[in-house]
N, C-alpha and C. Protein backbone atom coordinates (compact mmCIF):
# COMPACT_ATOMS: atom_id res chain seq x y z
N MET A 1 3.26 -49.58 -14.33
CA MET A 1 3.09 -48.17 -14.03
C MET A 1 1.79 -47.65 -14.68
N ASN A 2 1.09 -46.83 -13.99
CA ASN A 2 -0.16 -46.29 -14.46
C ASN A 2 0.07 -45.46 -15.73
N SER A 3 -0.61 -45.83 -16.83
CA SER A 3 -0.39 -45.13 -18.10
C SER A 3 -0.84 -43.68 -18.02
N GLN A 4 -1.80 -43.38 -17.10
CA GLN A 4 -2.27 -42.01 -16.96
C GLN A 4 -1.16 -41.09 -16.48
N LEU A 5 -0.25 -41.64 -15.66
CA LEU A 5 0.88 -40.82 -15.17
C LEU A 5 1.83 -40.51 -16.29
N LEU A 6 2.00 -41.51 -17.19
CA LEU A 6 2.90 -41.29 -18.33
C LEU A 6 2.34 -40.25 -19.27
N ASP A 7 1.01 -40.21 -19.37
CA ASP A 7 0.39 -39.31 -20.32
C ASP A 7 0.13 -37.93 -19.71
N LYS A 8 0.44 -37.75 -18.48
CA LYS A 8 0.14 -36.49 -17.80
C LYS A 8 0.93 -35.35 -18.45
N PRO A 9 0.30 -34.25 -18.88
CA PRO A 9 1.01 -33.17 -19.53
C PRO A 9 1.93 -32.45 -18.54
N PRO A 10 3.00 -31.83 -19.03
CA PRO A 10 3.89 -31.09 -18.14
C PRO A 10 3.18 -29.96 -17.45
N HIS A 11 3.70 -29.56 -16.29
CA HIS A 11 3.07 -28.48 -15.53
C HIS A 11 3.10 -27.19 -16.33
N GLN A 12 1.98 -26.49 -16.31
CA GLN A 12 1.89 -25.20 -16.98
C GLN A 12 1.37 -24.17 -16.00
N PRO A 13 1.81 -22.92 -16.09
CA PRO A 13 1.33 -21.88 -15.18
C PRO A 13 -0.17 -21.75 -15.26
N THR A 14 -0.79 -21.51 -14.12
CA THR A 14 -2.24 -21.32 -14.05
C THR A 14 -2.61 -20.02 -14.73
N LYS A 15 -3.63 -20.05 -15.57
CA LYS A 15 -4.09 -18.85 -16.29
C LYS A 15 -5.34 -18.31 -15.60
N GLU A 16 -5.34 -17.01 -15.44
CA GLU A 16 -6.50 -16.37 -14.81
C GLU A 16 -7.67 -16.31 -15.82
N LYS A 17 -8.85 -16.42 -15.29
CA LYS A 17 -10.06 -16.26 -16.11
C LYS A 17 -10.92 -15.19 -15.46
N LEU A 18 -11.46 -14.31 -16.30
CA LEU A 18 -12.26 -13.20 -15.82
C LEU A 18 -13.64 -13.22 -16.46
N VAL A 19 -14.66 -13.16 -15.61
CA VAL A 19 -16.04 -13.09 -16.04
C VAL A 19 -16.61 -11.74 -15.58
N THR A 20 -17.26 -11.02 -16.49
CA THR A 20 -17.85 -9.72 -16.17
C THR A 20 -19.37 -9.79 -16.32
N LEU A 21 -20.06 -9.35 -15.28
CA LEU A 21 -21.52 -9.32 -15.29
C LEU A 21 -21.99 -7.87 -15.12
N TYR A 22 -23.02 -7.52 -15.87
CA TYR A 22 -23.53 -6.14 -15.84
C TYR A 22 -24.95 -6.08 -15.25
N GLY A 23 -25.34 -4.93 -14.75
CA GLY A 23 -26.69 -4.74 -14.21
C GLY A 23 -26.91 -5.52 -12.91
N ILE A 24 -25.85 -5.67 -12.15
CA ILE A 24 -25.94 -6.40 -10.87
C ILE A 24 -26.21 -5.41 -9.74
N THR A 25 -27.26 -5.63 -9.01
CA THR A 25 -27.56 -4.77 -7.86
C THR A 25 -26.58 -5.09 -6.72
N TRP A 26 -26.48 -4.16 -5.80
CA TRP A 26 -25.64 -4.37 -4.63
C TRP A 26 -26.08 -5.61 -3.85
N GLU A 27 -27.42 -5.77 -3.73
CA GLU A 27 -27.95 -6.91 -2.98
C GLU A 27 -27.60 -8.22 -3.67
N LYS A 28 -27.69 -8.25 -5.00
CA LYS A 28 -27.33 -9.45 -5.73
C LYS A 28 -25.85 -9.74 -5.58
N PHE A 29 -25.03 -8.70 -5.68
CA PHE A 29 -23.59 -8.86 -5.48
C PHE A 29 -23.28 -9.49 -4.12
N LYS A 30 -23.91 -8.96 -3.08
CA LYS A 30 -23.62 -9.48 -1.73
C LYS A 30 -24.08 -10.93 -1.60
N ALA A 31 -25.16 -11.30 -2.29
CA ALA A 31 -25.60 -12.69 -2.28
C ALA A 31 -24.59 -13.61 -2.96
N ILE A 32 -24.05 -13.16 -4.10
CA ILE A 32 -23.03 -13.95 -4.80
C ILE A 32 -21.76 -14.04 -3.96
N GLU A 33 -21.40 -12.93 -3.32
CA GLU A 33 -20.22 -12.91 -2.46
C GLU A 33 -20.37 -13.90 -1.31
N ALA A 34 -21.54 -13.98 -0.72
CA ALA A 34 -21.78 -14.91 0.38
C ALA A 34 -21.66 -16.37 -0.08
N GLN A 35 -22.09 -16.65 -1.29
CA GLN A 35 -22.02 -18.00 -1.83
C GLN A 35 -20.58 -18.43 -2.09
N LEU A 36 -19.72 -17.46 -2.36
CA LEU A 36 -18.32 -17.75 -2.73
C LEU A 36 -17.34 -17.46 -1.61
N GLU A 37 -17.81 -17.17 -0.40
CA GLU A 37 -16.93 -16.71 0.66
C GLU A 37 -15.91 -17.75 1.08
N ASP A 38 -16.17 -19.04 0.86
CA ASP A 38 -15.24 -20.09 1.23
C ASP A 38 -14.26 -20.42 0.13
N ASN A 39 -14.43 -19.83 -1.03
CA ASN A 39 -13.57 -20.12 -2.18
C ASN A 39 -12.49 -19.05 -2.28
N ARG A 40 -11.29 -19.38 -1.81
CA ARG A 40 -10.21 -18.42 -1.81
C ARG A 40 -9.59 -18.19 -3.17
N ASP A 41 -9.95 -19.03 -4.14
CA ASP A 41 -9.40 -18.86 -5.48
C ASP A 41 -10.18 -17.87 -6.31
N VAL A 42 -11.25 -17.31 -5.75
CA VAL A 42 -12.09 -16.37 -6.48
C VAL A 42 -11.96 -14.98 -5.89
N ARG A 43 -11.83 -13.98 -6.74
CA ARG A 43 -11.77 -12.60 -6.28
C ARG A 43 -12.87 -11.80 -6.97
N LEU A 44 -13.63 -11.05 -6.17
CA LEU A 44 -14.75 -10.28 -6.72
C LEU A 44 -14.45 -8.78 -6.65
N SER A 45 -14.84 -8.06 -7.68
CA SER A 45 -14.76 -6.62 -7.71
C SER A 45 -16.07 -6.07 -8.20
N TYR A 46 -16.60 -5.08 -7.49
CA TYR A 46 -17.91 -4.53 -7.85
C TYR A 46 -17.83 -3.02 -7.91
N LEU A 47 -18.35 -2.44 -8.98
CA LEU A 47 -18.39 -0.99 -9.11
C LEU A 47 -19.64 -0.58 -9.88
N SER A 48 -20.59 0.07 -9.19
CA SER A 48 -21.74 0.66 -9.82
C SER A 48 -22.46 -0.27 -10.82
N GLY A 49 -22.80 -1.47 -10.33
CA GLY A 49 -23.59 -2.39 -11.14
C GLY A 49 -22.78 -3.37 -11.99
N VAL A 50 -21.45 -3.19 -12.02
CA VAL A 50 -20.60 -4.11 -12.79
C VAL A 50 -19.85 -5.02 -11.82
N LEU A 51 -19.93 -6.31 -12.04
CA LEU A 51 -19.27 -7.32 -11.19
C LEU A 51 -18.26 -8.09 -12.01
N GLU A 52 -17.03 -8.14 -11.50
CA GLU A 52 -16.01 -8.95 -12.13
C GLU A 52 -15.63 -10.08 -11.19
N ILE A 53 -15.57 -11.29 -11.79
CA ILE A 53 -15.21 -12.48 -11.01
C ILE A 53 -13.93 -13.04 -11.60
N MET A 54 -12.86 -13.02 -10.83
CA MET A 54 -11.57 -13.50 -11.28
C MET A 54 -11.28 -14.83 -10.61
N SER A 55 -10.94 -15.85 -11.41
CA SER A 55 -10.58 -17.16 -10.86
C SER A 55 -9.87 -17.98 -11.89
N PRO A 56 -8.82 -18.71 -11.51
CA PRO A 56 -8.11 -18.54 -10.23
C PRO A 56 -7.09 -17.42 -10.34
N ILE A 57 -6.45 -17.09 -9.23
CA ILE A 57 -5.36 -16.12 -9.29
C ILE A 57 -4.13 -16.83 -9.79
N GLY A 58 -3.53 -16.35 -10.87
CA GLY A 58 -2.46 -17.05 -11.53
C GLY A 58 -1.12 -16.99 -10.80
N GLU A 59 -0.20 -17.86 -11.20
CA GLU A 59 1.10 -17.93 -10.55
C GLU A 59 1.93 -16.69 -10.80
N GLU A 60 1.90 -16.17 -12.03
CA GLU A 60 2.66 -14.95 -12.34
C GLU A 60 2.21 -13.84 -11.46
N HIS A 61 0.91 -13.72 -11.31
CA HIS A 61 0.29 -12.69 -10.47
C HIS A 61 0.83 -12.76 -9.03
N GLU A 62 0.83 -13.96 -8.45
CA GLU A 62 1.27 -14.12 -7.08
C GLU A 62 2.77 -13.91 -6.92
N ASP A 63 3.55 -14.34 -7.90
CA ASP A 63 5.01 -14.15 -7.85
C ASP A 63 5.37 -12.65 -7.84
N ILE A 64 4.73 -11.90 -8.71
CA ILE A 64 5.00 -10.47 -8.82
C ILE A 64 4.56 -9.74 -7.53
N LYS A 65 3.36 -10.09 -7.08
CA LYS A 65 2.84 -9.48 -5.84
C LYS A 65 3.80 -9.70 -4.69
N SER A 66 4.27 -10.93 -4.53
CA SER A 66 5.15 -11.30 -3.43
C SER A 66 6.48 -10.57 -3.53
N THR A 67 7.06 -10.54 -4.72
CA THR A 67 8.35 -9.90 -4.89
C THR A 67 8.27 -8.40 -4.64
N LEU A 68 7.26 -7.76 -5.20
CA LEU A 68 7.11 -6.32 -5.03
C LEU A 68 6.89 -5.99 -3.55
N GLY A 69 6.08 -6.78 -2.86
CA GLY A 69 5.85 -6.52 -1.45
C GLY A 69 7.12 -6.69 -0.63
N LEU A 70 7.88 -7.72 -0.92
CA LEU A 70 9.13 -7.94 -0.16
C LEU A 70 10.13 -6.81 -0.40
N LEU A 71 10.21 -6.34 -1.62
CA LEU A 71 11.13 -5.25 -1.93
C LEU A 71 10.73 -3.96 -1.25
N LEU A 72 9.43 -3.65 -1.29
CA LEU A 72 8.95 -2.43 -0.66
C LEU A 72 9.17 -2.45 0.85
N GLU A 73 8.89 -3.62 1.45
CA GLU A 73 9.09 -3.76 2.89
C GLU A 73 10.57 -3.66 3.26
N ALA A 74 11.45 -4.19 2.43
CA ALA A 74 12.91 -4.08 2.62
C ALA A 74 13.31 -2.62 2.61
N TYR A 75 12.77 -1.86 1.66
CA TYR A 75 13.07 -0.44 1.58
C TYR A 75 12.64 0.28 2.84
N MET A 76 11.41 0.02 3.29
CA MET A 76 10.91 0.71 4.45
C MET A 76 11.72 0.39 5.71
N ARG A 77 12.13 -0.87 5.83
CA ARG A 77 12.95 -1.23 7.00
C ARG A 77 14.32 -0.55 6.92
N GLU A 78 14.91 -0.55 5.75
CA GLU A 78 16.26 0.08 5.60
C GLU A 78 16.19 1.57 5.91
N LYS A 79 15.06 2.19 5.59
CA LYS A 79 14.90 3.64 5.79
C LYS A 79 14.23 3.96 7.13
N SER A 80 14.01 2.93 7.94
CA SER A 80 13.38 3.10 9.26
C SER A 80 12.01 3.81 9.14
N ILE A 81 11.26 3.41 8.13
CA ILE A 81 9.91 3.92 7.94
C ILE A 81 8.93 2.95 8.61
N ARG A 82 8.20 3.42 9.60
CA ARG A 82 7.25 2.55 10.30
C ARG A 82 6.07 2.28 9.34
N PHE A 83 5.74 0.96 9.21
CA PHE A 83 4.63 0.59 8.33
C PHE A 83 3.88 -0.59 8.93
N TYR A 84 2.65 -0.74 8.47
CA TYR A 84 1.78 -1.83 8.90
C TYR A 84 1.22 -2.50 7.64
N LYS A 85 1.52 -3.77 7.49
CA LYS A 85 1.04 -4.52 6.34
C LYS A 85 -0.41 -4.94 6.58
N ARG A 86 -1.28 -4.53 5.69
CA ARG A 86 -2.72 -4.80 5.85
C ARG A 86 -3.18 -5.97 5.00
N GLY A 87 -2.35 -6.37 4.03
CA GLY A 87 -2.72 -7.50 3.19
C GLY A 87 -3.81 -7.16 2.19
N GLY A 88 -4.46 -8.21 1.72
CA GLY A 88 -5.52 -8.03 0.74
C GLY A 88 -6.88 -8.18 1.38
N PHE A 89 -7.33 -7.13 2.07
CA PHE A 89 -8.65 -7.18 2.69
C PHE A 89 -9.60 -6.27 1.89
N THR A 90 -10.85 -6.63 1.94
CA THR A 90 -11.85 -5.97 1.13
C THR A 90 -12.15 -4.57 1.62
N LEU A 91 -12.15 -3.60 0.69
CA LEU A 91 -12.53 -2.22 0.96
C LEU A 91 -13.87 -1.98 0.29
N GLU A 92 -14.80 -1.38 1.03
CA GLU A 92 -16.16 -1.20 0.50
C GLU A 92 -16.71 0.23 0.71
N ALA A 93 -17.45 0.67 -0.30
CA ALA A 93 -18.33 1.80 -0.16
C ALA A 93 -19.73 1.23 -0.37
N PRO A 94 -20.42 0.86 0.71
CA PRO A 94 -21.68 0.10 0.60
C PRO A 94 -22.64 0.69 -0.42
N GLY A 95 -23.13 -0.20 -1.28
CA GLY A 95 -24.11 0.18 -2.29
C GLY A 95 -23.47 0.60 -3.61
N TYR A 96 -22.13 0.79 -3.60
CA TYR A 96 -21.50 1.32 -4.81
C TYR A 96 -20.24 0.56 -5.24
N ALA A 97 -19.34 0.31 -4.33
CA ALA A 97 -18.06 -0.28 -4.71
C ALA A 97 -17.54 -1.27 -3.68
N SER A 98 -16.85 -2.30 -4.16
CA SER A 98 -16.21 -3.25 -3.29
C SER A 98 -15.02 -3.85 -4.04
N GLY A 99 -13.85 -3.82 -3.43
CA GLY A 99 -12.67 -4.37 -4.09
C GLY A 99 -11.64 -4.84 -3.10
N THR A 100 -10.85 -5.82 -3.49
CA THR A 100 -9.81 -6.38 -2.66
C THR A 100 -8.47 -6.19 -3.35
N PRO A 101 -7.65 -5.28 -2.86
CA PRO A 101 -6.32 -5.07 -3.45
C PRO A 101 -5.44 -6.32 -3.23
N ASP A 102 -4.39 -6.41 -4.01
CA ASP A 102 -3.47 -7.51 -3.83
C ASP A 102 -2.63 -7.37 -2.55
N GLU A 103 -2.30 -6.16 -2.24
CA GLU A 103 -1.57 -5.86 -1.03
C GLU A 103 -1.87 -4.45 -0.60
N SER A 104 -1.67 -4.16 0.69
CA SER A 104 -1.92 -2.80 1.16
C SER A 104 -1.10 -2.52 2.41
N TYR A 105 -0.81 -1.22 2.64
CA TYR A 105 0.00 -0.80 3.78
C TYR A 105 -0.54 0.51 4.33
N THR A 106 -0.37 0.68 5.61
CA THR A 106 -0.52 2.00 6.21
C THR A 106 0.88 2.42 6.66
N ILE A 107 1.14 3.72 6.56
CA ILE A 107 2.47 4.26 6.86
C ILE A 107 2.39 5.10 8.13
N GLY A 108 3.31 4.83 9.04
CA GLY A 108 3.42 5.63 10.26
C GLY A 108 2.58 5.13 11.43
N SER A 109 1.35 4.69 11.15
CA SER A 109 0.47 4.18 12.18
C SER A 109 -0.62 3.30 11.55
N LYS A 110 -1.30 2.54 12.36
CA LYS A 110 -2.42 1.73 11.84
C LYS A 110 -3.62 2.64 11.56
N LYS A 111 -4.28 2.36 10.42
CA LYS A 111 -5.42 3.14 10.02
C LYS A 111 -6.47 2.22 9.41
N ASP A 112 -7.70 2.68 9.42
CA ASP A 112 -8.78 1.88 8.84
C ASP A 112 -8.64 1.74 7.35
N VAL A 113 -8.24 2.82 6.70
CA VAL A 113 -8.05 2.83 5.23
C VAL A 113 -6.56 2.81 4.93
N PRO A 114 -6.07 1.92 4.10
CA PRO A 114 -4.65 1.87 3.76
C PRO A 114 -4.18 3.16 3.10
N ASP A 115 -2.93 3.49 3.33
CA ASP A 115 -2.31 4.63 2.63
C ASP A 115 -1.94 4.23 1.20
N ILE A 116 -1.56 2.94 1.03
CA ILE A 116 -1.13 2.44 -0.27
C ILE A 116 -1.82 1.11 -0.54
N VAL A 117 -2.41 0.99 -1.71
CA VAL A 117 -2.86 -0.35 -2.17
C VAL A 117 -2.07 -0.68 -3.43
N ILE A 118 -1.78 -1.97 -3.59
CA ILE A 118 -1.02 -2.46 -4.72
C ILE A 118 -1.86 -3.40 -5.53
N GLU A 119 -1.91 -3.17 -6.85
CA GLU A 119 -2.67 -3.98 -7.75
C GLU A 119 -1.76 -4.57 -8.83
N ILE A 120 -1.81 -5.88 -8.96
CA ILE A 120 -1.05 -6.57 -10.01
C ILE A 120 -2.06 -6.92 -11.12
N ILE A 121 -1.86 -6.33 -12.28
CA ILE A 121 -2.80 -6.55 -13.37
C ILE A 121 -2.17 -7.48 -14.40
N VAL A 122 -2.61 -8.73 -14.43
CA VAL A 122 -2.18 -9.69 -15.45
C VAL A 122 -3.28 -9.85 -16.48
N THR A 123 -4.50 -9.94 -16.00
CA THR A 123 -5.67 -10.03 -16.88
C THR A 123 -6.52 -8.76 -16.66
N SER A 124 -6.63 -7.92 -17.66
CA SER A 124 -7.36 -6.66 -17.52
C SER A 124 -8.87 -6.90 -17.57
N GLY A 125 -9.58 -6.13 -16.78
CA GLY A 125 -11.03 -6.21 -16.78
C GLY A 125 -11.66 -4.91 -17.23
N THR A 126 -12.95 -4.80 -17.04
CA THR A 126 -13.72 -3.62 -17.42
C THR A 126 -13.64 -2.52 -16.38
N ILE A 127 -13.63 -2.92 -15.12
CA ILE A 127 -13.69 -1.97 -14.00
C ILE A 127 -12.43 -1.13 -13.93
N ASN A 128 -12.60 0.17 -13.80
CA ASN A 128 -11.48 1.07 -13.59
C ASN A 128 -11.06 0.97 -12.15
N ARG A 129 -9.86 0.39 -11.90
CA ARG A 129 -9.43 0.10 -10.52
C ARG A 129 -9.20 1.40 -9.74
N ARG A 130 -8.92 2.49 -10.42
CA ARG A 130 -8.76 3.75 -9.69
C ARG A 130 -10.13 4.23 -9.14
N GLU A 131 -11.14 4.08 -9.96
CA GLU A 131 -12.50 4.47 -9.54
C GLU A 131 -12.99 3.55 -8.42
N LEU A 132 -12.50 2.32 -8.45
CA LEU A 132 -12.93 1.33 -7.47
C LEU A 132 -12.56 1.75 -6.04
N PHE A 133 -11.37 2.30 -5.87
CA PHE A 133 -10.90 2.66 -4.53
C PHE A 133 -11.10 4.15 -4.20
N LYS A 134 -11.54 4.93 -5.16
CA LYS A 134 -11.73 6.36 -4.91
C LYS A 134 -12.76 6.66 -3.81
N PRO A 135 -13.87 5.92 -3.73
CA PRO A 135 -14.86 6.24 -2.67
C PRO A 135 -14.28 6.04 -1.26
N MET A 136 -13.28 5.16 -1.11
CA MET A 136 -12.68 4.91 0.20
C MET A 136 -11.57 5.91 0.48
N LYS A 137 -11.24 6.78 -0.50
CA LYS A 137 -10.22 7.82 -0.38
C LYS A 137 -8.86 7.23 -0.04
N VAL A 138 -8.51 6.14 -0.71
CA VAL A 138 -7.17 5.56 -0.57
C VAL A 138 -6.20 6.56 -1.15
N PRO A 139 -5.21 7.04 -0.39
CA PRO A 139 -4.33 8.10 -0.89
C PRO A 139 -3.49 7.74 -2.12
N GLU A 140 -3.07 6.46 -2.18
CA GLU A 140 -2.13 6.10 -3.27
C GLU A 140 -2.42 4.67 -3.76
N ILE A 141 -2.41 4.51 -5.11
CA ILE A 141 -2.58 3.21 -5.72
C ILE A 141 -1.38 2.92 -6.60
N TRP A 142 -0.81 1.73 -6.43
CA TRP A 142 0.32 1.29 -7.25
C TRP A 142 -0.17 0.20 -8.18
N PHE A 143 0.11 0.36 -9.47
CA PHE A 143 -0.26 -0.65 -10.46
C PHE A 143 0.98 -1.25 -11.12
N TRP A 144 1.06 -2.56 -11.09
CA TRP A 144 2.06 -3.26 -11.95
C TRP A 144 1.26 -3.88 -13.10
N LYS A 145 1.68 -3.57 -14.33
CA LYS A 145 1.06 -4.16 -15.50
C LYS A 145 2.03 -4.17 -16.64
N SER A 146 2.18 -5.35 -17.31
CA SER A 146 3.03 -5.46 -18.49
C SER A 146 4.44 -4.93 -18.24
N ASN A 147 5.02 -5.32 -17.12
CA ASN A 147 6.38 -4.93 -16.74
C ASN A 147 6.52 -3.42 -16.56
N GLN A 148 5.46 -2.77 -16.21
CA GLN A 148 5.52 -1.35 -15.89
C GLN A 148 4.92 -1.12 -14.50
N LEU A 149 5.48 -0.16 -13.80
CA LEU A 149 4.96 0.20 -12.47
C LEU A 149 4.54 1.66 -12.48
N LYS A 150 3.25 1.89 -12.18
CA LYS A 150 2.72 3.24 -12.17
C LYS A 150 2.07 3.52 -10.83
N VAL A 151 2.29 4.75 -10.36
CA VAL A 151 1.76 5.17 -9.08
C VAL A 151 0.82 6.33 -9.28
N PHE A 152 -0.34 6.27 -8.64
CA PHE A 152 -1.33 7.32 -8.74
C PHE A 152 -1.66 7.84 -7.34
N HIS A 153 -1.67 9.16 -7.19
CA HIS A 153 -1.94 9.78 -5.89
C HIS A 153 -3.25 10.54 -5.95
N LEU A 154 -4.04 10.42 -4.88
CA LEU A 154 -5.31 11.10 -4.81
C LEU A 154 -5.12 12.58 -4.50
N LYS A 155 -5.57 13.43 -5.41
CA LYS A 155 -5.43 14.87 -5.20
C LYS A 155 -6.71 15.56 -5.63
N GLU A 156 -7.29 16.25 -4.70
CA GLU A 156 -8.56 16.99 -4.97
C GLU A 156 -9.63 16.09 -5.55
N GLY A 157 -9.73 14.87 -5.04
CA GLY A 157 -10.80 13.93 -5.43
C GLY A 157 -10.52 13.07 -6.62
N ASP A 158 -9.37 13.27 -7.28
CA ASP A 158 -9.04 12.44 -8.45
C ASP A 158 -7.61 11.90 -8.34
N TYR A 159 -7.39 10.75 -9.00
CA TYR A 159 -6.06 10.20 -8.99
C TYR A 159 -5.26 10.72 -10.18
N GLU A 160 -4.05 11.16 -9.87
CA GLU A 160 -3.15 11.62 -10.94
C GLU A 160 -1.83 10.83 -10.84
N GLU A 161 -1.29 10.49 -12.00
CA GLU A 161 -0.05 9.71 -12.00
C GLU A 161 1.11 10.61 -11.53
N VAL A 162 1.96 10.00 -10.70
CA VAL A 162 3.12 10.71 -10.18
C VAL A 162 4.38 9.90 -10.45
N SER A 163 5.50 10.61 -10.50
CA SER A 163 6.76 9.90 -10.81
C SER A 163 7.42 9.35 -9.56
N ARG A 164 7.01 9.83 -8.40
CA ARG A 164 7.51 9.36 -7.12
C ARG A 164 6.36 9.20 -6.14
N SER A 165 6.45 8.21 -5.28
CA SER A 165 5.45 8.08 -4.25
C SER A 165 5.56 9.24 -3.28
N THR A 166 4.43 9.77 -2.87
CA THR A 166 4.44 10.85 -1.88
C THR A 166 4.88 10.35 -0.51
N PHE A 167 4.75 9.04 -0.27
CA PHE A 167 5.19 8.46 0.98
C PHE A 167 6.68 8.10 0.98
N PHE A 168 7.23 7.86 -0.23
CA PHE A 168 8.64 7.52 -0.36
C PHE A 168 9.27 8.36 -1.46
N PRO A 169 9.43 9.66 -1.25
CA PRO A 169 9.92 10.52 -2.31
C PRO A 169 11.32 10.19 -2.80
N ASP A 170 12.11 9.50 -2.01
CA ASP A 170 13.48 9.12 -2.38
C ASP A 170 13.56 7.76 -3.07
N LEU A 171 12.44 7.06 -3.18
CA LEU A 171 12.45 5.72 -3.78
C LEU A 171 12.38 5.85 -5.32
N ASP A 172 13.36 5.33 -5.97
CA ASP A 172 13.43 5.30 -7.46
C ASP A 172 12.53 4.16 -7.93
N LEU A 173 11.39 4.46 -8.51
CA LEU A 173 10.46 3.44 -8.93
C LEU A 173 11.02 2.60 -10.07
N ALA A 174 11.83 3.18 -10.92
CA ALA A 174 12.46 2.43 -12.02
C ALA A 174 13.40 1.39 -11.46
N LEU A 175 14.13 1.74 -10.43
CA LEU A 175 15.04 0.81 -9.79
C LEU A 175 14.24 -0.33 -9.13
N LEU A 176 13.20 0.04 -8.43
CA LEU A 176 12.34 -0.97 -7.81
C LEU A 176 11.79 -1.94 -8.85
N LEU A 177 11.34 -1.42 -9.97
CA LEU A 177 10.77 -2.24 -11.03
C LEU A 177 11.80 -3.23 -11.58
N ARG A 178 13.03 -2.79 -11.71
CA ARG A 178 14.07 -3.70 -12.22
C ARG A 178 14.26 -4.92 -11.32
N TYR A 179 14.14 -4.69 -10.03
CA TYR A 179 14.32 -5.81 -9.10
C TYR A 179 13.06 -6.68 -8.99
N VAL A 180 11.91 -6.08 -9.29
CA VAL A 180 10.72 -6.92 -9.40
C VAL A 180 10.88 -7.97 -10.50
N GLY A 181 11.58 -7.57 -11.56
CA GLY A 181 11.82 -8.47 -12.69
C GLY A 181 13.01 -9.38 -12.55
N HIS A 182 13.66 -9.36 -11.40
CA HIS A 182 14.83 -10.23 -11.15
C HIS A 182 14.38 -11.70 -11.21
N PRO A 183 15.16 -12.58 -11.83
CA PRO A 183 14.74 -13.99 -11.96
C PRO A 183 14.71 -14.76 -10.67
N ASP A 184 15.39 -14.26 -9.60
CA ASP A 184 15.42 -14.95 -8.31
C ASP A 184 14.94 -13.99 -7.23
N GLN A 185 13.86 -14.36 -6.56
CA GLN A 185 13.26 -13.42 -5.57
C GLN A 185 14.21 -13.17 -4.39
N TYR A 186 14.85 -14.20 -3.89
CA TYR A 186 15.75 -14.01 -2.73
C TYR A 186 16.92 -13.09 -3.10
N ASP A 187 17.54 -13.34 -4.23
CA ASP A 187 18.65 -12.49 -4.69
C ASP A 187 18.20 -11.08 -4.96
N ALA A 188 16.96 -10.93 -5.49
CA ALA A 188 16.43 -9.59 -5.75
C ALA A 188 16.39 -8.75 -4.49
N VAL A 189 15.88 -9.32 -3.43
CA VAL A 189 15.77 -8.55 -2.16
C VAL A 189 17.15 -8.25 -1.61
N GLN A 190 18.03 -9.23 -1.63
CA GLN A 190 19.39 -9.05 -1.11
C GLN A 190 20.13 -7.95 -1.85
N GLU A 191 20.05 -8.00 -3.17
CA GLU A 191 20.77 -7.01 -4.00
C GLU A 191 20.12 -5.62 -3.87
N PHE A 192 18.81 -5.56 -3.80
CA PHE A 192 18.10 -4.30 -3.63
C PHE A 192 18.50 -3.63 -2.32
N GLU A 193 18.54 -4.41 -1.23
CA GLU A 193 18.94 -3.87 0.05
C GLU A 193 20.35 -3.31 -0.01
N ALA A 194 21.24 -4.04 -0.69
CA ALA A 194 22.64 -3.58 -0.81
C ALA A 194 22.72 -2.24 -1.57
N VAL A 195 21.90 -2.09 -2.61
CA VAL A 195 21.89 -0.84 -3.38
C VAL A 195 21.37 0.29 -2.51
N ILE A 196 20.33 0.04 -1.71
CA ILE A 196 19.78 1.07 -0.85
C ILE A 196 20.82 1.54 0.16
N ARG A 197 21.64 0.62 0.62
CA ARG A 197 22.69 0.97 1.61
C ARG A 197 23.92 1.60 0.93
N GLY A 198 23.93 1.59 -0.39
CA GLY A 198 25.08 2.10 -1.10
C GLY A 198 26.23 1.12 -1.22
N GLU A 199 25.89 -0.16 -1.03
CA GLU A 199 26.90 -1.21 -1.05
C GLU A 199 26.88 -2.03 -2.32
N GLY A 200 25.88 -1.82 -3.14
CA GLY A 200 25.75 -2.67 -4.32
C GLY A 200 25.71 -1.86 -5.60
N VAL A 201 25.61 -2.57 -6.72
CA VAL A 201 25.57 -1.97 -8.04
C VAL A 201 24.17 -2.15 -8.60
N GLU A 202 23.55 -1.06 -9.10
CA GLU A 202 22.21 -1.12 -9.65
C GLU A 202 22.16 -2.00 -10.87
N ARG A 203 21.03 -2.73 -11.00
CA ARG A 203 20.79 -3.51 -12.20
C ARG A 203 20.47 -2.58 -13.36
N ASN A 204 20.99 -2.90 -14.53
CA ASN A 204 20.74 -2.10 -15.72
C ASN A 204 19.94 -2.84 -16.78
N ASP A 205 19.56 -4.10 -16.49
CA ASP A 205 18.80 -4.86 -17.48
C ASP A 205 17.33 -4.60 -17.34
């Protein structure tokens, strides 16, 4: 048997690495972006001369993003709220800002700018993510960070934290967060749907 296989270390979760560059022009940013366009493990964020390069996207990040998205979509279906999943596509204000949210949705109808973008923060950077999406006038930004879920709504040109989403005023964000932390993604969605229907018991852990 190959000794290298015996010596192989146990699997460990992928850790994100973040590199921040300053004084980067928009033209330089676009050149770097073009060079990395085929590398799906790299995510770029640009705001007023500051460029952040994230690579790779970690497993914890992807697990939380997937679970939160599934739960939110389950809620919208149960409540018969029409939505369109836009995914993580790049939003730009040419010459100033460019960012790719982890997930995004439009509510009610398809729109060029998402109504909601979701950001999973495992490794914090320098760029203020609220400022990143402000030029595109994204109405609402959801942040998951350190087992907390915060929602910010755009009002009179600035984002302010709100206790309830303006799109889902009846959605208990604390309840949603508890199911994001469920150890099993499938069970989380099933139990969350049951609670929404009034058929289940809320998690208290």
